[in-house]
Amino acid sequence: MLHGLGSNHTRWSEFISHTTLTQKGDIIAPDLRGHGNSMARGRLTMDQWVQDLVDILHAEGHQTAIFAGHSLGAHIALFFAQRHPHMTRGIILIDPLSHENLSLTLMLVKRFRVIVYLIIYLIRTLNTLGLKRRQLPYRNLSDLDKIARQLLEQGKEQKMVALYSSIWIDLKFNATSNYFQSISQVLRPLPELGPTHAPALLLLSKSPVFSTADKQHALIRQLKNYTVNMIECNHWLLTEKPDVARQAIESWIEKEFHTTASDNNGKAVHG
């Protein structure tokens, strides 16, 4: 279970506490390198995140896995599937971004990404000189989701969107260099999966904040065995429609892999 940009493993905590999948296998929800308690200074790249996942699987005694990712996590799942197809049983992609359907804001960031690289270089230089925040508060997204749902119940959808899309709020909980490096990585072109690849489930928002819903997602053109669910939400499916997300994921896994409850319950590995 791979979280998104500026997030951490608690993005999946509610899902894990309610899903029946823990009866059928192990669930691993890490803080990706540079996020949450996996604090790391220095370069952050797709190569590192993918290798970290290889190392985690080996450490947990698994040779294959189904990868579920939200936003940046979806991109990491795709790169993993491209580079390690033999280890990838399936991929679940929640609102990955495509260069063909970026929102105007992200399109401008992409066009002027050299500025992002300059910011990263400047901040990393300052970090090397010892100018950095020594401690960062840990963000419990399960608690934040409760606030977001109250806003939705009150009809304050735009306030909920502002709460989750604010760079300034994100930076309170994330190292600045890591945050901007993650932005640069999520704007990379999606990988070509090749002629053979694992089955995929795409859960896409009908009203996405960071992309445009009126253009066909570039991923669909290269997938062969895939299922697409369009869901009425903005970008934070696990926050806005947690039951819909859980049911969609569980039913797809059961259909694709014919899973049944194991004799010994699986475990959930957090953090």
C-alpha atoms as a PDB file:
ATOM      1  CA  MET A   1       0.000   0.000   0.000  1.00  0.00           C
ATOM      2  CA  LEU A   2       1.817   3.103  -1.283  1.00  0.00           C
ATOM      3  CA  HIS A   3       0.845   6.592  -0.182  1.00  0.00           C
ATOM      4  CA  GLY A   4       1.030   9.807  -2.172  1.00  0.00           C
ATOM      5  CA  LEU A   5       3.099  12.965  -2.172  1.00  0.00           C
ATOM      6  CA  GLY A   6       3.514  14.660   1.194  1.00  0.00           C
ATOM      7  CA  SER A   7       1.737  11.735   2.844  1.00  0.00           C
ATOM      8  CA  ASN A   8       2.672   8.669   4.901  1.00  0.00           C
ATOM      9  CA  HIS A   9       1.442   5.166   5.690  1.00  0.00           C
ATOM     10  CA  THR A  10      -1.532   6.430   7.734  1.00  0.00           C
ATOM     11  CA  ARG A  11      -3.217   7.224   4.427  1.00  0.00           C
ATOM     12  CA  TRP A  12      -4.031   3.485   4.374  1.00  0.00           C
ATOM     13  CA  SER A  13      -4.702   2.961   8.104  1.00  0.00           C
ATOM     14  CA  GLU A  14      -8.481   3.119   7.865  1.00  0.00           C
ATOM     15  CA  PHE A  15      -8.521   0.831   4.834  1.00  0.00           C
ATOM     16  CA  ILE A  16      -6.375  -1.746   6.621  1.00  0.00           C
ATOM     17  CA  SER A  17      -8.471  -1.659   9.788  1.00  0.00           C
ATOM     18  CA  HIS A  18     -11.659  -2.464   7.831  1.00  0.00           C
ATOM     19  CA  THR A  19     -10.583  -4.646   4.926  1.00  0.00           C
ATOM     20  CA  THR A  20     -11.098  -8.398   4.721  1.00  0.00           C
ATOM     21  CA  LEU A  21      -7.802  -8.675   2.842  1.00  0.00           C
ATOM     22  CA  THR A  22      -5.938  -9.145   6.121  1.00  0.00           C
ATOM     23  CA  GLN A  23      -7.628 -12.576   6.280  1.00  0.00           C
ATOM     24  CA  LYS A  24      -6.119 -13.541   2.933  1.00  0.00           C
ATOM     25  CA  GLY A  25      -2.529 -12.356   3.104  1.00  0.00           C
ATOM     26  CA  ASP A  26      -0.104  -9.804   4.462  1.00  0.00           C
ATOM     27  CA  ILE A  27      -0.575  -6.075   3.970  1.00  0.00           C
ATOM     28  CA  ILE A  28       2.511  -3.857   4.014  1.00  0.00           C
ATOM     29  CA  ALA A  29       2.078  -0.087   4.311  1.00  0.00           C
ATOM     30  CA  PRO A  30       5.452   1.684   4.493  1.00  0.00           C
ATOM     31  CA  ASP A  31       6.421   5.278   4.961  1.00  0.00           C
ATOM     32  CA  LEU A  32       8.215   5.815   1.665  1.00  0.00           C
ATOM     33  CA  ARG A  33      11.784   7.064   1.809  1.00  0.00           C
ATOM     34  CA  GLY A  34      11.769  10.778   2.625  1.00  0.00           C
ATOM     35  CA  HIS A  35       8.253  10.672   4.113  1.00  0.00           C
ATOM     36  CA  GLY A  36       6.863  10.267   7.624  1.00  0.00           C
ATOM     37  CA  ASN A  37       9.219   8.351   9.876  1.00  0.00           C
ATOM     38  CA  SER A  38      11.377   7.218   6.932  1.00  0.00           C
ATOM     39  CA  MET A  39      13.204  10.518   7.044  1.00  0.00           C
ATOM     40  CA  ALA A  40      16.133  10.740   4.657  1.00  0.00           C
ATOM     41  CA  ARG A  41      18.126  13.690   3.400  1.00  0.00           C
ATOM     42  CA  GLY A  42      19.637  13.699  -0.056  1.00  0.00           C
ATOM     43  CA  ARG A  43      18.352  12.634  -3.465  1.00  0.00           C
ATOM     44  CA  LEU A  44      14.949  11.004  -3.865  1.00  0.00           C
ATOM     45  CA  THR A  45      14.252   9.129  -7.081  1.00  0.00           C
ATOM     46  CA  MET A  46      11.950   6.490  -8.502  1.00  0.00           C
ATOM     47  CA  ASP A  47      14.944   4.130  -8.620  1.00  0.00           C
ATOM     48  CA  GLN A  48      15.380   4.420  -4.838  1.00  0.00           C
ATOM     49  CA  TRP A  49      11.711   3.929  -4.042  1.00  0.00           C
ATOM     50  CA  VAL A  50      11.481   0.896  -6.307  1.00  0.00           C
ATOM     51  CA  GLN A  51      14.594  -0.672  -4.779  1.00  0.00           C
ATOM     52  CA  ASP A  52      13.280   0.052  -1.295  1.00  0.00           C
ATOM     53  CA  LEU A  53      10.156  -1.947  -2.154  1.00  0.00           C
ATOM     54  CA  VAL A  54      12.275  -4.849  -3.400  1.00  0.00           C
ATOM     55  CA  ASP A  55      14.188  -4.790  -0.115  1.00  0.00           C
ATOM     56  CA  ILE A  56      10.979  -4.602   1.951  1.00  0.00           C
ATOM     57  CA  LEU A  57       9.447  -7.580   0.155  1.00  0.00           C
ATOM     58  CA  HIS A  58      12.581  -9.636   0.632  1.00  0.00           C
ATOM     59  CA  ALA A  59      12.753  -8.659   4.307  1.00  0.00           C
ATOM     60  CA  GLU A  60       9.129  -9.772   4.778  1.00  0.00           C
ATOM     61  CA  GLY A  61       9.762 -13.045   2.950  1.00  0.00           C
ATOM     62  CA  HIS A  62       7.692 -12.361  -0.182  1.00  0.00           C
ATOM     63  CA  GLN A  63       8.659 -12.860  -3.807  1.00  0.00           C
ATOM     64  CA  THR A  64       5.582 -11.217  -5.350  1.00  0.00           C
ATOM     65  CA  ALA A  65       2.939  -8.702  -4.347  1.00  0.00           C
ATOM     66  CA  ILE A  66      -0.062  -6.700  -5.509  1.00  0.00           C
ATOM     67  CA  PHE A  67       0.821  -3.010  -5.381  1.00  0.00           C
ATOM     68  CA  ALA A  68      -1.819  -0.393  -4.565  1.00  0.00           C
ATOM     69  CA  GLY A  69      -0.777   3.238  -4.880  1.00  0.00           C
ATOM     70  CA  HIS A  70      -2.409   6.642  -4.578  1.00  0.00           C
ATOM     71  CA  SER A  71      -1.104   9.496  -6.771  1.00  0.00           C
ATOM     72  CA  LEU A  72       2.711   9.379  -6.370  1.00  0.00           C
ATOM     73  CA  GLY A  73       2.287   5.872  -4.946  1.00  0.00           C
ATOM     74  CA  ALA A  74       0.516   4.844  -8.165  1.00  0.00           C
ATOM     75  CA  HIS A  75       3.489   6.073 -10.183  1.00  0.00           C
ATOM     76  CA  ILE A  76       5.890   4.087  -8.011  1.00  0.00           C
ATOM     77  CA  ALA A  77       3.719   0.994  -8.504  1.00  0.00           C
ATOM     78  CA  LEU A  78       3.915   1.478 -12.275  1.00  0.00           C
ATOM     79  CA  PHE A  79       7.695   1.862 -12.279  1.00  0.00           C
ATOM     80  CA  PHE A  80       7.999  -1.220 -10.080  1.00  0.00           C
ATOM     81  CA  ALA A  81       5.791  -3.217 -12.465  1.00  0.00           C
ATOM     82  CA  GLN A  82       7.925  -2.131 -15.409  1.00  0.00           C
ATOM     83  CA  ARG A  83      11.249  -2.998 -13.802  1.00  0.00           C
ATOM     84  CA  HIS A  84      10.218  -6.081 -11.834  1.00  0.00           C
ATOM     85  CA  PRO A  85       7.309  -7.683 -13.726  1.00  0.00           C
ATOM     86  CA  HIS A  86       8.107 -11.100 -12.246  1.00  0.00           C
ATOM     87  CA  MET A  87       7.489  -9.686  -8.744  1.00  0.00           C
ATOM     88  CA  THR A  88       4.259  -7.885  -9.660  1.00  0.00           C
ATOM     89  CA  ARG A  89       1.022  -9.868  -9.427  1.00  0.00           C
ATOM     90  CA  GLY A  90      -1.204  -6.844  -9.951  1.00  0.00           C
ATOM     91  CA  ILE A  91      -1.368  -3.054  -9.684  1.00  0.00           C
ATOM     92  CA  ILE A  92      -4.105  -0.856  -8.217  1.00  0.00           C
ATOM     93  CA  LEU A  93      -3.762   2.753  -9.317  1.00  0.00           C
ATOM     94  CA  ILE A  94      -5.704   5.536  -7.606  1.00  0.00           C
ATOM     95  CA  ASP A  95      -5.567   8.770  -9.617  1.00  0.00           C
ATOM     96  CA  PRO A  96      -2.125   8.522 -11.230  1.00  0.00           C
ATOM     97  CA  LEU A  97      -1.256  11.609 -13.247  1.00  0.00           C
ATOM     98  CA  SER A  98      -0.555  11.604 -16.967  1.00  0.00           C
ATOM     99  CA  HIS A  99       1.227  14.269 -18.985  1.00  0.00           C
ATOM    100  CA  GLU A 100      -1.779  14.322 -21.286  1.00  0.00           C
ATOM    101  CA  ASN A 101      -4.303  15.308 -18.650  1.00  0.00           C
ATOM    102  CA  LEU A 102      -2.517  17.506 -16.112  1.00  0.00           C
ATOM    103  CA  SER A 103      -4.392  20.412 -14.571  1.00  0.00           C
ATOM    104  CA  LEU A 104      -3.356  23.909 -15.631  1.00  0.00           C
ATOM    105  CA  THR A 105      -1.422  24.421 -12.385  1.00  0.00           C
ATOM    106  CA  LEU A 106       0.624  21.234 -12.779  1.00  0.00           C
ATOM    107  CA  MET A 107       1.098  21.922 -16.479  1.00  0.00           C
ATOM    108  CA  LEU A 108       2.733  25.236 -15.552  1.00  0.00           C
ATOM    109  CA  VAL A 109       4.886  23.515 -12.914  1.00  0.00           C
ATOM    110  CA  LYS A 110       5.974  20.988 -15.516  1.00  0.00           C
ATOM    111  CA  ARG A 111       6.754  23.699 -18.071  1.00  0.00           C
ATOM    112  CA  PHE A 112       8.873  25.630 -15.582  1.00  0.00           C
ATOM    113  CA  ARG A 113      10.253  22.576 -13.772  1.00  0.00           C
ATOM    114  CA  VAL A 114      13.767  23.973 -14.065  1.00  0.00           C
ATOM    115  CA  ILE A 115      12.705  26.345 -11.282  1.00  0.00           C
ATOM    116  CA  VAL A 116      11.716  23.337  -9.168  1.00  0.00           C
ATOM    117  CA  TYR A 117      15.173  21.829  -9.779  1.00  0.00           C
ATOM    118  CA  LEU A 118      16.821  25.110  -8.748  1.00  0.00           C
ATOM    119  CA  ILE A 119      14.758  25.166  -5.540  1.00  0.00           C
ATOM    120  CA  ILE A 120      15.806  21.593  -4.800  1.00  0.00           C
ATOM    121  CA  TYR A 121      19.480  22.395  -5.435  1.00  0.00           C
ATOM    122  CA  LEU A 122      19.331  25.500  -3.231  1.00  0.00           C
ATOM    123  CA  ILE A 123      17.607  23.727  -0.339  1.00  0.00           C
ATOM    124  CA  ARG A 124      19.901  20.713  -0.484  1.00  0.00           C
ATOM    125  CA  THR A 125      22.899  23.059  -0.420  1.00  0.00           C
ATOM    126  CA  LEU A 126      21.498  24.786   2.670  1.00  0.00           C
ATOM    127  CA  ASN A 127      20.875  21.359   4.244  1.00  0.00           C
ATOM    128  CA  THR A 128      24.514  20.430   3.602  1.00  0.00           C
ATOM    129  CA  LEU A 129      25.538  23.595   5.434  1.00  0.00           C
ATOM    130  CA  GLY A 130      23.441  22.497   8.394  1.00  0.00           C
ATOM    131  CA  LEU A 131      20.436  24.742   7.761  1.00  0.00           C
ATOM    132  CA  LYS A 132      17.495  22.378   8.114  1.00  0.00           C
ATOM    133  CA  ARG A 133      14.598  21.584  10.384  1.00  0.00           C
ATOM    134  CA  ARG A 134      15.777  19.012  12.895  1.00  0.00           C
ATOM    135  CA  GLN A 135      12.349  17.648  13.766  1.00  0.00           C
ATOM    136  CA  LEU A 136       9.095  17.439  11.869  1.00  0.00           C
ATOM    137  CA  PRO A 137       5.696  16.608  13.387  1.00  0.00           C
ATOM    138  CA  TYR A 138       4.146  13.334  12.244  1.00  0.00           C
ATOM    139  CA  ARG A 139       0.897  13.782  10.334  1.00  0.00           C
ATOM    140  CA  ASN A 140      -1.854  11.310  11.212  1.00  0.00           C
ATOM    141  CA  LEU A 141      -4.018  11.298   8.111  1.00  0.00           C
ATOM    142  CA  SER A 142      -6.717   9.200   9.773  1.00  0.00           C
ATOM    143  CA  ASP A 143      -7.389  12.113  12.131  1.00  0.00           C
ATOM    144  CA  LEU A 144      -7.258  14.575   9.254  1.00  0.00           C
ATOM    145  CA  ASP A 145      -9.791  12.496   7.316  1.00  0.00           C
ATOM    146  CA  LYS A 146     -12.321  12.952  10.128  1.00  0.00           C
ATOM    147  CA  ILE A 147     -12.016  16.725   9.790  1.00  0.00           C
ATOM    148  CA  ALA A 148     -12.307  16.471   6.006  1.00  0.00           C
ATOM    149  CA  ARG A 149     -15.497  14.422   6.226  1.00  0.00           C
ATOM    150  CA  GLN A 150     -17.050  16.916   8.595  1.00  0.00           C
ATOM    151  CA  LEU A 151     -16.373  19.607   6.004  1.00  0.00           C
ATOM    152  CA  LEU A 152     -17.954  17.447   3.296  1.00  0.00           C
ATOM    153  CA  GLU A 153     -21.031  16.827   5.453  1.00  0.00           C
ATOM    154  CA  GLN A 154     -21.337  20.598   5.938  1.00  0.00           C
ATOM    155  CA  GLY A 155     -21.189  21.153   2.174  1.00  0.00           C
ATOM    156  CA  LYS A 156     -17.736  22.780   2.412  1.00  0.00           C
ATOM    157  CA  GLU A 157     -16.072  20.747  -0.311  1.00  0.00           C
ATOM    158  CA  GLN A 158     -13.730  23.523  -1.404  1.00  0.00           C
ATOM    159  CA  LYS A 159     -12.396  23.874   2.135  1.00  0.00           C
ATOM    160  CA  MET A 160     -11.687  20.148   2.165  1.00  0.00           C
ATOM    161  CA  VAL A 161      -9.851  20.439  -1.155  1.00  0.00           C
ATOM    162  CA  ALA A 162      -7.844  23.396   0.166  1.00  0.00           C
ATOM    163  CA  LEU A 163      -6.929  21.393   3.285  1.00  0.00           C
ATOM    164  CA  TYR A 164      -5.446  18.553   1.222  1.00  0.00           C
ATOM    165  CA  SER A 165      -3.952  20.495  -1.689  1.00  0.00           C
ATOM    166  CA  SER A 166      -2.130  23.236   0.230  1.00  0.00           C
ATOM    167  CA  ILE A 167       1.633  23.129  -0.272  1.00  0.00           C
ATOM    168  CA  TRP A 168       2.129  25.254   2.841  1.00  0.00           C
ATOM    169  CA  ILE A 169       0.255  22.806   5.064  1.00  0.00           C
ATOM    170  CA  ASP A 170       2.148  19.873   3.543  1.00  0.00           C
ATOM    171  CA  LEU A 171       5.475  21.563   4.209  1.00  0.00           C
ATOM    172  CA  LYS A 172       4.727  21.724   7.942  1.00  0.00           C
ATOM    173  CA  PHE A 173       5.053  17.939   8.022  1.00  0.00           C
ATOM    174  CA  ASN A 174       7.588  17.263   5.261  1.00  0.00           C
ATOM    175  CA  ALA A 175      11.202  18.217   4.608  1.00  0.00           C
ATOM    176  CA  THR A 176      11.165  20.939   1.964  1.00  0.00           C
ATOM    177  CA  SER A 177      13.762  19.330  -0.310  1.00  0.00           C
ATOM    178  CA  ASN A 178      12.027  15.959  -0.127  1.00  0.00           C
ATOM    179  CA  TYR A 179       8.680  17.538  -0.952  1.00  0.00           C
ATOM    180  CA  PHE A 180       9.899  19.304  -4.084  1.00  0.00           C
ATOM    181  CA  GLN A 181      11.867  16.247  -5.186  1.00  0.00           C
ATOM    182  CA  SER A 182       8.668  14.219  -4.892  1.00  0.00           C
ATOM    183  CA  ILE A 183       6.893  16.774  -7.082  1.00  0.00           C
ATOM    184  CA  SER A 184       9.616  16.442  -9.717  1.00  0.00           C
ATOM    185  CA  GLN A 185       9.263  12.656  -9.664  1.00  0.00           C
ATOM    186  CA  VAL A 186       5.480  12.633  -9.977  1.00  0.00           C
ATOM    187  CA  LEU A 187       5.796  14.821 -13.078  1.00  0.00           C
ATOM    188  CA  ARG A 188       8.028  12.281 -14.816  1.00  0.00           C
ATOM    189  CA  PRO A 189       6.533  10.576 -17.891  1.00  0.00           C
ATOM    190  CA  LEU A 190       4.743   7.354 -17.047  1.00  0.00           C
ATOM    191  CA  PRO A 191       6.727   4.213 -17.903  1.00  0.00           C
ATOM    192  CA  GLU A 192       5.894   1.956 -20.830  1.00  0.00           C
ATOM    193  CA  LEU A 193       4.858  -1.353 -19.331  1.00  0.00           C
ATOM    194  CA  GLY A 194       5.592  -3.420 -22.432  1.00  0.00           C
ATOM    195  CA  PRO A 195       3.562  -6.190 -24.062  1.00  0.00           C
ATOM    196  CA  THR A 196       3.228  -8.335 -20.927  1.00  0.00           C
ATOM    197  CA  HIS A 197       2.265  -6.966 -17.584  1.00  0.00           C
ATOM    198  CA  ALA A 198       0.136  -7.615 -14.526  1.00  0.00           C
ATOM    199  CA  PRO A 199      -3.613  -6.972 -14.392  1.00  0.00           C
ATOM    200  CA  ALA A 200      -4.543  -3.455 -13.309  1.00  0.00           C
ATOM    201  CA  LEU A 201      -7.368  -1.684 -11.515  1.00  0.00           C
ATOM    202  CA  LEU A 202      -7.695   2.056 -12.135  1.00  0.00           C
ATOM    203  CA  LEU A 203      -9.764   4.085  -9.675  1.00  0.00           C
ATOM    204  CA  LEU A 204     -10.147   7.534 -11.219  1.00  0.00           C
ATOM    205  CA  SER A 205     -11.871  10.647  -9.881  1.00  0.00           C
ATOM    206  CA  LYS A 206     -14.659  12.179 -11.937  1.00  0.00           C
ATOM    207  CA  SER A 207     -13.747  15.656 -10.648  1.00  0.00           C
ATOM    208  CA  PRO A 208      -9.966  15.492 -10.278  1.00  0.00           C
ATOM    209  CA  VAL A 209      -8.098  18.424  -8.767  1.00  0.00           C
ATOM    210  CA  PHE A 210      -4.720  17.752 -10.397  1.00  0.00           C
ATOM    211  CA  SER A 211      -5.825  16.477 -13.810  1.00  0.00           C
ATOM    212  CA  THR A 212      -8.597  16.867 -16.361  1.00  0.00           C
ATOM    213  CA  ALA A 213     -11.270  14.187 -16.523  1.00  0.00           C
ATOM    214  CA  ASP A 214     -12.338  14.947 -20.103  1.00  0.00           C
ATOM    215  CA  LYS A 215      -9.235  13.394 -21.683  1.00  0.00           C
ATOM    216  CA  GLN A 216      -8.641   9.674 -21.945  1.00  0.00           C
ATOM    217  CA  HIS A 217      -6.035   8.553 -19.468  1.00  0.00           C
ATOM    218  CA  ALA A 218      -2.800   7.691 -21.263  1.00  0.00           C
ATOM    219  CA  LEU A 219      -2.453   4.519 -19.204  1.00  0.00           C
ATOM    220  CA  ILE A 220      -5.573   2.953 -20.696  1.00  0.00           C
ATOM    221  CA  ARG A 221      -4.021   2.805 -24.151  1.00  0.00           C
ATOM    222  CA  GLN A 222      -1.180   0.540 -23.028  1.00  0.00           C
ATOM    223  CA  LEU A 223      -3.059  -1.700 -20.609  1.00  0.00           C
ATOM    224  CA  LYS A 224      -4.530  -4.993 -21.781  1.00  0.00           C
ATOM    225  CA  ASN A 225      -6.043  -6.599 -18.711  1.00  0.00           C
ATOM    226  CA  TYR A 226      -7.545  -3.694 -16.822  1.00  0.00           C
ATOM    227  CA  THR A 227     -10.655  -2.481 -15.037  1.00  0.00           C
ATOM    228  CA  VAL A 228     -11.565   1.198 -14.730  1.00  0.00           C
ATOM    229  CA  ASN A 229     -13.877   2.648 -12.077  1.00  0.00           C
ATOM    230  CA  MET A 230     -14.813   6.320 -12.381  1.00  0.00           C
ATOM    231  CA  ILE A 231     -15.841   7.603  -8.940  1.00  0.00           C
ATOM    232  CA  GLU A 232     -17.439  10.907  -7.989  1.00  0.00           C
ATOM    233  CA  CYS A 233     -14.719  12.533  -5.902  1.00  0.00           C
ATOM    234  CA  ASN A 234     -11.863  15.021  -6.225  1.00  0.00           C
ATOM    235  CA  HIS A 235      -8.524  13.262  -5.758  1.00  0.00           C
ATOM    236  CA  TRP A 236      -8.596  11.802  -2.262  1.00  0.00           C
ATOM    237  CA  LEU A 237     -10.726   8.704  -2.792  1.00  0.00           C
ATOM    238  CA  LEU A 238      -9.605   7.041   0.444  1.00  0.00           C
ATOM    239  CA  THR A 239     -10.800  10.132   2.310  1.00  0.00           C
ATOM    240  CA  GLU A 240     -13.934  11.025   0.357  1.00  0.00           C
ATOM    241  CA  LYS A 241     -15.312   7.561  -0.429  1.00  0.00           C
ATOM    242  CA  PRO A 242     -13.434   5.057   1.788  1.00  0.00           C
ATOM    243  CA  ASP A 243     -16.095   2.336   1.601  1.00  0.00           C
ATOM    244  CA  VAL A 244     -16.350   2.626  -2.187  1.00  0.00           C
ATOM    245  CA  ALA A 245     -12.564   2.356  -2.495  1.00  0.00           C
ATOM    246  CA  ARG A 246     -12.352  -0.639  -0.161  1.00  0.00           C
ATOM    247  CA  GLN A 247     -15.165  -2.526  -1.858  1.00  0.00           C
ATOM    248  CA  ALA A 248     -13.756  -1.848  -5.330  1.00  0.00           C
ATOM    249  CA  ILE A 249     -10.299  -3.086  -4.335  1.00  0.00           C
ATOM    250  CA  GLU A 250     -11.552  -6.157  -2.483  1.00  0.00           C
ATOM    251  CA  SER A 251     -13.927  -7.257  -5.258  1.00  0.00           C
ATOM    252  CA  TRP A 252     -11.285  -6.764  -7.965  1.00  0.00           C
ATOM    253  CA  ILE A 253      -8.675  -8.792  -6.059  1.00  0.00           C
ATOM    254  CA  GLU A 254     -11.193 -11.556  -5.406  1.00  0.00           C
ATOM    255  CA  LYS A 255     -12.216 -11.632  -9.071  1.00  0.00           C
ATOM    256  CA  GLU A 256      -8.695 -11.514 -10.508  1.00  0.00           C
ATOM    257  CA  PHE A 257      -6.955 -13.787  -8.037  1.00  0.00           C
ATOM    258  CA  HIS A 258      -9.825 -15.920  -6.680  1.00  0.00           C
ATOM    259  CA  THR A 259      -8.687 -15.247  -3.134  1.00  0.00           C
ATOM    260  CA  THR A 260     -10.173 -17.010  -0.139  1.00  0.00           C
ATOM    261  CA  ALA A 261      -9.555 -16.523   3.541  1.00  0.00           C
ATOM    262  CA  SER A 262      -6.324 -18.215   4.534  1.00  0.00           C
ATOM    263  CA  ASP A 263      -6.092 -20.712   7.366  1.00  0.00           C
ATOM    264  CA  ASN A 264      -3.759 -18.366   9.167  1.00  0.00           C
ATOM    265  CA  ASN A 265      -4.692 -14.706   9.200  1.00  0.00           C
ATOM    266  CA  GLY A 266      -2.330 -12.374   7.431  1.00  0.00           C
ATOM    267  CA  LYS A 267      -0.579  -9.516   9.135  1.00  0.00           C
ATOM    268  CA  ALA A 268      -0.518  -5.785   8.553  1.00  0.00           C
ATOM    269  CA  VAL A 269       2.921  -4.166   8.628  1.00  0.00           C
ATOM    270  CA  HIS A 270       2.780  -0.406   9.202  1.00  0.00           C
ATOM    271  CA  GLY A 271       5.353   2.345   9.191  1.00  0.00           C
END
